[in-house]
Amino acid sequence: GSGVIISADGHILTNNHVASQAIELFAYLADGREYKARFIGGDPESDIAVLKIEAPGLIPARTRLAPVELADFVVAVGSPWKFRNSVTLGVVSGVSRSGLGITIEDFIQHDARINRGNSGGGLFLAGTGELVGINTAMFSDTGVNSGVGFAIPIAQALKTAEDIIRYGK
């Protein structure tokens, strides 16, 4: 799975389905550093989880809380099939999508290619680099991306993460 650093003190946002059942968790940073991660908590209903690493010099992702719009260019960053730091480009092809079986009913639909290992990774605006979502699912009849991915809007994901950090759930 993948994740996004959301605080300088080492909190990482990811999907609950990525982290909740793991025996050991590690964070592999883009600069080559590796850290053992601690599971802070997760919420299966929203599919959000928070990890924590102890590392100096972390720079959290810049976020954009305003909703994305149809045709916004986005990039999905993640580790599909363990190919770390992979980036794919696409457009927002739908907003306020629902029906994925996750409590959140306001997904960002996009066509940036995501596959197994991209879950928990960031969806960023292509022009500004601002984090707008957390990739969580793809639609596929074959198990391989068919060009329809879904991300949890970052405002919703951060609210859940704040509750997990503050209350443990």
Protein backbone atom coordinates (compact mmCIF):
# COMPACT_ATOMS: atom_id res chain seq x y z
CA GLY A 1 0.00 0.00 0.00
CA SER A 2 0.83 3.66 -0.05
CA GLY A 3 0.42 6.67 2.19
CA VAL A 4 0.91 10.42 2.53
CA ILE A 5 2.80 12.35 5.23
CA ILE A 6 0.31 14.81 6.76
CA SER A 7 2.34 16.28 9.63
CA ALA A 8 5.94 17.25 10.29
CA ASP A 9 5.87 15.07 13.41
CA GLY A 10 5.41 11.91 11.34
CA HIS A 11 1.70 11.15 10.92
CA ILE A 12 0.94 9.27 7.72
CA LEU A 13 -2.51 8.98 6.18
CA THR A 14 -3.43 5.74 4.40
CA ASN A 15 -6.35 3.36 3.95
CA ASN A 16 -7.59 1.16 6.76
CA HIS A 17 -7.67 -1.84 4.42
CA VAL A 18 -3.93 -1.30 3.82
CA ALA A 19 -2.76 -1.07 7.43
CA SER A 20 -5.23 -2.51 9.93
CA GLN A 21 -4.29 -6.18 9.55
CA ALA A 22 -0.55 -5.72 9.03
CA ILE A 23 1.86 -7.54 11.32
CA GLU A 24 4.63 -5.01 10.64
CA LEU A 25 4.47 -1.62 8.96
CA PHE A 26 7.30 0.24 7.27
CA ALA A 27 7.42 3.64 5.60
CA TYR A 28 9.71 3.98 2.60
CA LEU A 29 10.21 7.66 1.83
CA ALA A 30 10.91 9.05 -1.63
CA ASP A 31 14.41 10.14 -0.51
CA GLY A 32 15.36 6.54 0.27
CA ARG A 33 14.91 6.63 4.04
CA GLU A 34 13.09 3.72 5.67
CA TYR A 35 11.31 3.73 9.04
CA LYS A 36 9.30 1.30 11.08
CA ALA A 37 5.78 2.69 11.36
CA ARG A 38 3.33 2.41 14.25
CA PHE A 39 -0.40 1.94 13.67
CA ILE A 40 -2.21 4.76 15.50
CA GLY A 41 -5.70 3.68 14.54
CA GLY A 42 -8.12 3.15 11.74
CA ASP A 43 -11.75 3.44 10.79
CA PRO A 44 -13.09 0.59 8.65
CA GLU A 45 -16.27 2.49 7.77
CA SER A 46 -14.41 5.36 6.10
CA ASP A 47 -11.37 3.22 5.15
CA ILE A 48 -8.97 5.74 6.73
CA ALA A 49 -5.99 4.85 8.94
CA VAL A 50 -3.16 6.81 10.53
CA LEU A 51 0.41 5.60 11.00
CA LYS A 52 3.27 7.34 12.81
CA ILE A 53 7.00 7.37 12.18
CA GLU A 54 9.79 9.04 14.11
CA ALA A 55 11.89 10.83 11.52
CA PRO A 56 13.60 14.20 11.20
CA GLY A 57 12.97 16.69 8.43
CA LEU A 58 9.55 15.53 7.29
CA ILE A 59 7.60 17.84 5.02
CA PRO A 60 3.84 17.24 5.04
CA ALA A 61 1.85 17.32 1.83
CA ARG A 62 0.18 20.64 1.03
CA THR A 63 -3.55 20.16 0.99
CA ARG A 64 -6.39 21.82 -0.83
CA LEU A 65 -9.64 21.50 1.08
CA ALA A 66 -11.80 23.07 -1.64
CA PRO A 67 -13.58 20.47 -3.78
CA VAL A 68 -12.12 19.41 -7.09
CA GLU A 69 -14.04 20.04 -10.29
CA LEU A 70 -14.75 17.92 -13.34
CA ALA A 71 -11.81 17.91 -15.76
CA ASP A 72 -9.22 19.00 -13.15
CA PHE A 73 -5.92 17.34 -13.99
CA VAL A 74 -4.71 15.07 -11.19
CA VAL A 75 -1.79 12.77 -10.49
CA ALA A 76 -1.98 9.62 -8.42
CA VAL A 77 1.16 8.77 -6.46
CA GLY A 78 1.71 5.32 -5.02
CA SER A 79 3.41 1.96 -5.20
CA PRO A 80 1.50 -0.29 -7.59
CA TRP A 81 2.87 -3.82 -7.48
CA LYS A 82 5.67 -2.49 -5.22
CA PHE A 83 6.98 -0.07 -7.87
CA ARG A 84 7.64 2.72 -5.37
CA ASN A 85 6.96 6.37 -6.13
CA SER A 86 4.99 5.73 -9.30
CA VAL A 87 2.99 8.64 -10.71
CA THR A 88 0.10 8.51 -13.18
CA LEU A 89 -1.78 11.40 -14.74
CA GLY A 90 -5.51 11.70 -15.30
CA VAL A 91 -8.55 13.90 -14.97
CA VAL A 92 -11.37 14.12 -12.48
CA SER A 93 -14.18 12.34 -14.29
CA GLY A 94 -16.84 12.52 -11.58
CA VAL A 95 -17.52 14.02 -8.17
CA SER A 96 -19.77 12.99 -5.28
CA ARG A 97 -19.76 9.35 -6.38
CA SER A 98 -21.27 6.74 -4.06
CA GLY A 99 -22.13 3.06 -3.89
CA LEU A 100 -18.70 1.58 -3.13
CA GLY A 101 -19.72 0.01 0.18
CA ILE A 102 -17.73 2.52 2.23
CA THR A 103 -19.47 4.97 4.56
CA ILE A 104 -18.14 7.97 2.66
CA GLU A 105 -20.53 8.71 -0.17
CA ASP A 106 -18.69 11.59 -1.81
CA PHE A 107 -15.82 10.02 -3.75
CA ILE A 108 -13.71 11.70 -6.38
CA GLN A 109 -13.79 9.59 -9.54
CA HIS A 110 -10.70 9.91 -11.73
CA ASP A 111 -8.97 8.13 -14.57
CA ALA A 112 -5.35 8.29 -13.34
CA ARG A 113 -4.24 4.66 -13.43
CA ILE A 114 -4.25 3.07 -9.98
CA ASN A 115 -3.73 -0.61 -9.23
CA ARG A 116 -2.98 -2.83 -6.25
CA GLY A 117 -0.48 -0.98 -4.07
CA ASN A 118 -1.85 2.48 -4.88
CA SER A 119 -4.41 2.28 -2.07
CA GLY A 120 -3.73 4.94 0.54
CA GLY A 121 -1.65 7.01 -1.85
CA GLY A 122 -2.32 10.63 -2.63
CA LEU A 123 -4.31 12.20 -5.40
CA PHE A 124 -2.78 15.60 -6.18
CA LEU A 125 -3.74 18.50 -8.44
CA ALA A 126 -1.33 18.34 -11.36
CA GLY A 127 -0.69 22.09 -11.60
CA THR A 128 -0.19 22.91 -7.93
CA GLY A 129 0.88 19.67 -6.27
CA GLU A 130 -1.83 20.08 -3.63
CA LEU A 131 -3.23 16.92 -2.04
CA VAL A 132 -6.95 16.62 -2.84
CA GLY A 133 -7.71 12.98 -2.05
CA ILE A 134 -6.62 9.55 -0.83
CA ASN A 135 -6.94 6.80 -3.42
CA THR A 136 -9.01 3.97 -2.06
CA ALA A 137 -10.60 1.87 -4.79
CA MET A 138 -10.73 1.10 -8.47
CA PHE A 139 -13.47 -0.32 -10.61
CA SER A 140 -12.41 -3.40 -12.49
CA ASP A 141 -13.90 -6.58 -13.88
CA THR A 142 -10.41 -8.11 -14.16
CA GLY A 143 -8.48 -6.94 -11.07
CA VAL A 144 -6.45 -4.55 -13.24
CA ASN A 145 -7.31 -0.89 -13.60
CA SER A 146 -9.90 -0.11 -16.23
CA GLY A 147 -9.52 3.66 -15.96
CA VAL A 148 -12.00 4.25 -13.13
CA GLY A 149 -10.47 5.06 -9.74
CA PHE A 150 -11.93 6.54 -6.59
CA ALA A 151 -10.39 8.80 -3.96
CA ILE A 152 -11.67 10.01 -0.62
CA PRO A 153 -11.77 13.82 -0.63
CA ILE A 154 -8.95 15.12 1.56
CA ALA A 155 -11.21 17.25 3.79
CA GLN A 156 -13.11 14.12 4.82
CA ALA A 157 -9.95 12.05 5.19
CA LEU A 158 -8.25 14.68 7.38
CA LYS A 159 -11.29 15.01 9.65
CA THR A 160 -11.25 11.26 10.25
CA ALA A 161 -7.46 11.31 10.74
CA GLU A 162 -7.77 14.11 13.33
CA ASP A 163 -10.29 12.03 15.28
CA ILE A 164 -8.03 8.97 15.12
CA ILE A 165 -5.01 10.95 16.32
CA ARG A 166 -6.98 12.66 19.11
CA TYR A 167 -9.23 9.82 20.27
CA GLY A 168 -7.63 6.67 18.86
CA LYS A 169 -10.68 5.86 16.74
